[in-house]
């Protein structure tokens, strides 16, 4: 029975680690998406300003 409990605890620990990695990756992707939107906005502003100055 003790061996079963240790196995279950080990599996739970592995799932906790996987969950933490996925959460960190999700936050990274959210930051990347925000950055991409900010860059897109800046590029569009530059294009707009270039067009207005012609």
PDB file of N, CA and C in Angstrom:
ATOM      1  N   UNK A   1       0.822  -1.202   0.000  1.00  0.00           N
ATOM      2  CA  UNK A   1       0.000   0.000   0.000  1.00  0.00           C
ATOM      3  C   UNK A   1       0.866   1.266   0.000  1.00  0.00           C
ATOM      4  N   UNK A   2       1.958   1.237   0.739  1.00  0.00           N
ATOM      5  CA  UNK A   2       2.852   2.374   0.802  1.00  0.00           C
ATOM      6  C   UNK A   2       3.458   2.668  -0.577  1.00  0.00           C
ATOM      7  N   UNK A   3       3.793   1.603  -1.296  1.00  0.00           N
ATOM      8  CA  UNK A   3       4.353   1.768  -2.631  1.00  0.00           C
ATOM      9  C   UNK A   3       3.336   2.422  -3.568  1.00  0.00           C
ATOM     10  N   UNK A   4       2.083   2.053  -3.456  1.00  0.00           N
ATOM     11  CA  UNK A   4       1.021   2.643  -4.266  1.00  0.00           C
ATOM     12  C   UNK A   4       0.879   4.125  -3.953  1.00  0.00           C
ATOM     13  N   UNK A   5       0.920   4.478  -2.686  1.00  0.00           N
ATOM     14  CA  UNK A   5       0.820   5.887  -2.295  1.00  0.00           C
ATOM     15  C   UNK A   5       1.991   6.698  -2.844  1.00  0.00           C
ATOM     16  N   UNK A   6       3.181   6.137  -2.787  1.00  0.00           N
ATOM     17  CA  UNK A   6       4.358   6.820  -3.316  1.00  0.00           C
ATOM     18  C   UNK A   6       4.248   7.003  -4.827  1.00  0.00           C
ATOM     19  N   UNK A   7       3.731   5.992  -5.504  1.00  0.00           N
ATOM     20  CA  UNK A   7       3.550   6.077  -6.952  1.00  0.00           C
ATOM     21  C   UNK A   7       2.532   7.159  -7.304  1.00  0.00           C
ATOM     22  N   UNK A   8       1.436   7.186  -6.571  1.00  0.00           N
ATOM     23  CA  UNK A   8       0.406   8.205  -6.815  1.00  0.00           C
ATOM     24  C   UNK A   8       0.954   9.593  -6.529  1.00  0.00           C
ATOM     25  N   UNK A   9       1.709   9.756  -5.452  1.00  0.00           N
ATOM     26  CA  UNK A   9       2.301  11.054  -5.133  1.00  0.00           C
ATOM     27  C   UNK A   9       3.273  11.480  -6.224  1.00  0.00           C
ATOM     28  N   UNK A  10       4.048  10.537  -6.719  1.00  0.00           N
ATOM     29  CA  UNK A  10       5.001  10.846  -7.783  1.00  0.00           C
ATOM     30  C   UNK A  10       4.271  11.316  -9.039  1.00  0.00           C
ATOM     31  N   UNK A  11       3.202  10.638  -9.391  1.00  0.00           N
ATOM     32  CA  UNK A  11       2.410  11.022 -10.557  1.00  0.00           C
ATOM     33  C   UNK A  11       1.806  12.409 -10.358  1.00  0.00           C
ATOM     34  N   UNK A  12       1.288  12.666  -9.171  1.00  0.00           N
ATOM     35  CA  UNK A  12       0.707  13.987  -8.882  1.00  0.00           C
ATOM     36  C   UNK A  12       1.768  15.081  -8.970  1.00  0.00           C
ATOM     37  N   UNK A  13       2.973  14.783  -8.463  1.00  0.00           N
ATOM     38  CA  UNK A  13       4.064  15.754  -8.556  1.00  0.00           C
ATOM     39  C   UNK A  13       4.421  16.037 -10.011  1.00  0.00           C
ATOM     40  N   UNK A  14       4.431  15.005 -10.830  1.00  0.00           N
ATOM     41  CA  UNK A  14       4.721  15.187 -12.249  1.00  0.00           C
ATOM     42  C   UNK A  14       3.658  16.049 -12.927  1.00  0.00           C
ATOM     43  N   UNK A  15       2.404  15.798 -12.604  1.00  0.00           N
ATOM     44  CA  UNK A  15       1.324  16.613 -13.167  1.00  0.00           C
ATOM     45  C   UNK A  15       1.425  18.060 -12.695  1.00  0.00           C
ATOM     46  N   UNK A  16       1.814  18.271 -11.447  1.00  0.00           N
ATOM     47  CA  UNK A  16       1.986  19.634 -10.941  1.00  0.00           C
ATOM     48  C   UNK A  16       3.095  20.346 -11.716  1.00  0.00           C
ATOM     49  N   UNK A  17       4.191  19.634 -11.978  1.00  0.00           N
ATOM     50  CA  UNK A  17       5.286  20.224 -12.759  1.00  0.00           C
ATOM     51  C   UNK A  17       4.833  20.560 -14.173  1.00  0.00           C
ATOM     52  N   UNK A  18       4.118  19.653 -14.789  1.00  0.00           N
ATOM     53  CA  UNK A  18       3.611  19.884 -16.146  1.00  0.00           C
ATOM     54  C   UNK A  18       2.666  21.080 -16.157  1.00  0.00           C
ATOM     55  N   UNK A  19       1.811  21.164 -15.160  1.00  0.00           N
ATOM     56  CA  UNK A  19       0.871  22.284 -15.071  1.00  0.00           C
ATOM     57  C   UNK A  19       1.610  23.612 -14.943  1.00  0.00           C
ATOM     58  N   UNK A  20       2.648  23.644 -14.130  1.00  0.00           N
ATOM     59  CA  UNK A  20       3.431  24.870 -13.957  1.00  0.00           C
ATOM     60  C   UNK A  20       4.115  25.273 -15.261  1.00  0.00           C
ATOM     61  N   UNK A  21       4.639  24.298 -15.983  1.00  0.00           N
ATOM     62  CA  UNK A  21       5.292  24.582 -17.265  1.00  0.00           C
ATOM     63  C   UNK A  21       4.280  25.123 -18.267  1.00  0.00           C
ATOM     64  N   UNK A  22       3.119  24.518 -18.320  1.00  0.00           N
ATOM     65  CA  UNK A  22       2.082  24.979 -19.262  1.00  0.00           C
ATOM     66  C   UNK A  22       1.593  26.379 -18.905  1.00  0.00           C
ATOM     67  N   UNK A  23       1.464  26.673 -17.622  1.00  0.00           N
ATOM     68  CA  UNK A  23       1.037  28.009 -17.201  1.00  0.00           C
ATOM     69  C   UNK A  23       2.077  29.053 -17.599  1.00  0.00           C
ATOM     70  N   UNK A  24       3.352  28.729 -17.397  1.00  0.00           N
ATOM     71  CA  UNK A  24       4.414  29.658 -17.780  1.00  0.00           C
ATOM     72  C   UNK A  24       4.420  29.866 -19.291  1.00  0.00           C
ATOM     73  N   UNK A  25       4.242  28.816 -20.035  1.00  0.00           N
ATOM     74  CA  UNK A  25       4.216  28.913 -21.501  1.00  0.00           C
ATOM     75  C   UNK A  25       3.023  29.745 -21.972  1.00  0.00           C
ATOM     76  N   UNK A  26       1.897  29.575 -21.314  1.00  0.00           N
ATOM     77  CA  UNK A  26       0.709  30.350 -21.658  1.00  0.00           C
ATOM     78  C   UNK A  26       0.957  31.842 -21.431  1.00  0.00           C
ATOM     79  N   UNK A  27       1.587  32.172 -20.302  1.00  0.00           N
ATOM     80  CA  UNK A  27       1.896  33.584 -20.030  1.00  0.00           C
ATOM     81  C   UNK A  27       2.863  34.136 -21.071  1.00  0.00           C
ATOM     82  N   UNK A  28       3.841  33.320 -21.466  1.00  0.00           N
ATOM     83  CA  UNK A  28       4.796  33.734 -22.481  1.00  0.00           C
ATOM     84  C   UNK A  28       4.094  34.020 -23.809  1.00  0.00           C
ATOM     85  N   UNK A  29       3.172  33.153 -24.190  1.00  0.00           N
ATOM     86  CA  UNK A  29       2.435  33.354 -25.438  1.00  0.00           C
ATOM     87  C   UNK A  29       1.549  34.592 -25.367  1.00  0.00           C
ATOM     88  N   UNK A  30       0.947  34.846 -24.198  1.00  0.00           N
ATOM     89  CA  UNK A  30       0.134  36.048 -24.032  1.00  0.00           C
ATOM     90  C   UNK A  30       0.981  37.302 -24.202  1.00  0.00           C
ATOM     91  N   UNK A  31       2.185  37.298 -23.613  1.00  0.00           N
ATOM     92  CA  UNK A  31       3.077  38.458 -23.756  1.00  0.00           C
ATOM     93  C   UNK A  31       3.507  38.633 -25.200  1.00  0.00           C
ATOM     94  N   UNK A  32       3.782  37.530 -25.868  1.00  0.00           N
ATOM     95  CA  UNK A  32       4.205  37.601 -27.274  1.00  0.00           C
ATOM     96  C   UNK A  32       3.073  38.163 -28.132  1.00  0.00           C
ATOM     97  N   UNK A  33       1.851  37.737 -27.876  1.00  0.00           N
ATOM     98  CA  UNK A  33       0.705  38.238 -28.642  1.00  0.00           C
ATOM     99  C   UNK A  33       0.533  39.737 -28.428  1.00  0.00           C
ATOM    100  N   UNK A  34       0.667  40.183 -27.185  1.00  0.00           N
ATOM    101  CA  UNK A  34       0.557  41.611 -26.886  1.00  0.00           C
ATOM    102  C   UNK A  34       1.662  42.385 -27.598  1.00  0.00           C
ATOM    103  N   UNK A  35       2.882  41.850 -27.560  1.00  0.00           N
ATOM    104  CA  UNK A  35       4.002  42.496 -28.235  1.00  0.00           C
ATOM    105  C   UNK A  35       3.748  42.596 -29.737  1.00  0.00           C
ATOM    106  N   UNK A  36       3.265  41.515 -30.333  1.00  0.00           N
ATOM    107  CA  UNK A  36       2.968  41.521 -31.764  1.00  0.00           C
ATOM    108  C   UNK A  36       1.935  42.584 -32.110  1.00  0.00           C
ATOM    109  N   UNK A  37       0.915  42.734 -31.271  1.00  0.00           N
ATOM    110  CA  UNK A  37      -0.110  43.753 -31.524  1.00  0.00           C
ATOM    111  C   UNK A  37       0.479  45.154 -31.407  1.00  0.00           C
ATOM    112  N   UNK A  38       1.350  45.366 -30.413  1.00  0.00           N
ATOM    113  CA  UNK A  38       1.983  46.677 -30.258  1.00  0.00           C
ATOM    114  C   UNK A  38       2.857  47.014 -31.457  1.00  0.00           C
ATOM    115  N   UNK A  39       3.618  46.032 -31.932  1.00  0.00           N
ATOM    116  CA  UNK A  39       4.473  46.249 -33.104  1.00  0.00           C
ATOM    117  C   UNK A  39       3.625  46.527 -34.336  1.00  0.00           C
ATOM    118  N   UNK A  40       2.544  45.791 -34.498  1.00  0.00           N
ATOM    119  CA  UNK A  40       1.659  46.015 -35.642  1.00  0.00           C
ATOM    120  C   UNK A  40       1.103  47.437 -35.617  1.00  0.00           C
ATOM    121  N   UNK A  41       0.712  47.903 -34.445  1.00  0.00           N
ATOM    122  CA  UNK A  41       0.198  49.263 -34.305  1.00  0.00           C
ATOM    123  C   UNK A  41       1.270  50.284 -34.692  1.00  0.00           C
ATOM    124  N   UNK A  42       2.487  50.078 -34.228  1.00  0.00           N
ATOM    125  CA  UNK A  42       3.580  50.998 -34.555  1.00  0.00           C
ATOM    126  C   UNK A  42       3.862  51.011 -36.057  1.00  0.00           C
ATOM    127  N   UNK A  43       3.874  49.846 -36.665  1.00  0.00           N
ATOM    128  CA  UNK A  43       4.109  49.770 -38.113  1.00  0.00           C
ATOM    129  C   UNK A  43       3.005  50.493 -38.870  1.00  0.00           C
ATOM    130  N   UNK A  44       1.767  50.281 -38.454  1.00  0.00           N
ATOM    131  CA  UNK A  44       0.650  50.956 -39.120  1.00  0.00           C
ATOM    132  C   UNK A  44       0.736  52.467 -38.949  1.00  0.00           C
ATOM    133  N   UNK A  45       1.162  52.931 -37.779  1.00  0.00           N
ATOM    134  CA  UNK A  45       1.331  54.372 -37.560  1.00  0.00           C
ATOM    135  C   UNK A  45       2.418  54.942 -38.461  1.00  0.00           C
ATOM    136  N   UNK A  46       3.510  54.211 -38.600  1.00  0.00           N
ATOM    137  CA  UNK A  46       4.594  54.665 -39.470  1.00  0.00           C
ATOM    138  C   UNK A  46       4.109  54.735 -40.918  1.00  0.00           C
ATOM    139  N   UNK A  47       3.404  53.713 -41.365  1.00  0.00           N
ATOM    140  CA  UNK A  47       2.873  53.722 -42.725  1.00  0.00           C
ATOM    141  C   UNK A  47       1.910  54.876 -42.925  1.00  0.00           C
ATOM    142  N   UNK A  48       1.046  55.113 -41.953  1.00  0.00           N
ATOM    143  CA  UNK A  48       0.067  56.200 -42.044  1.00  0.00           C
ATOM    144  C   UNK A  48       0.781  57.545 -42.110  1.00  0.00           C
ATOM    145  N   UNK A  49       1.771  57.743 -41.254  1.00  0.00           N
ATOM    146  CA  UNK A  49       2.515  59.001 -41.245  1.00  0.00           C
ATOM    147  C   UNK A  49       3.287  59.209 -42.543  1.00  0.00           C
ATOM    148  N   UNK A  50       3.843  58.140 -43.081  1.00  0.00           N
ATOM    149  CA  UNK A  50       4.581  58.242 -44.336  1.00  0.00           C
ATOM    150  C   UNK A  50       3.625  58.640 -45.455  1.00  0.00           C
ATOM    151  N   UNK A  51       2.435  58.042 -45.458  1.00  0.00           N
ATOM    152  CA  UNK A  51       1.450  58.341 -46.494  1.00  0.00           C
ATOM    153  C   UNK A  51       0.977  59.799 -46.380  1.00  0.00           C
ATOM    154  N   UNK A  52       0.785  60.267 -45.150  1.00  0.00           N
ATOM    155  CA  UNK A  52       0.305  61.647 -44.953  1.00  0.00           C
ATOM    156  C   UNK A  52       1.356  62.674 -45.324  1.00  0.00           C
ATOM    157  N   UNK A  53       2.621  62.315 -45.240  1.00  0.00           N
ATOM    158  CA  UNK A  53       3.703  63.261 -45.528  1.00  0.00           C
ATOM    159  C   UNK A  53       4.078  63.308 -47.000  1.00  0.00           C
ATOM    160  N   UNK A  54       3.469  62.475 -47.825  1.00  0.00           N
ATOM    161  CA  UNK A  54       3.789  62.477 -49.258  1.00  0.00           C
ATOM    162  C   UNK A  54       3.063  63.566 -49.968  1.00  0.00           C
TER     163      UNK A  54
END
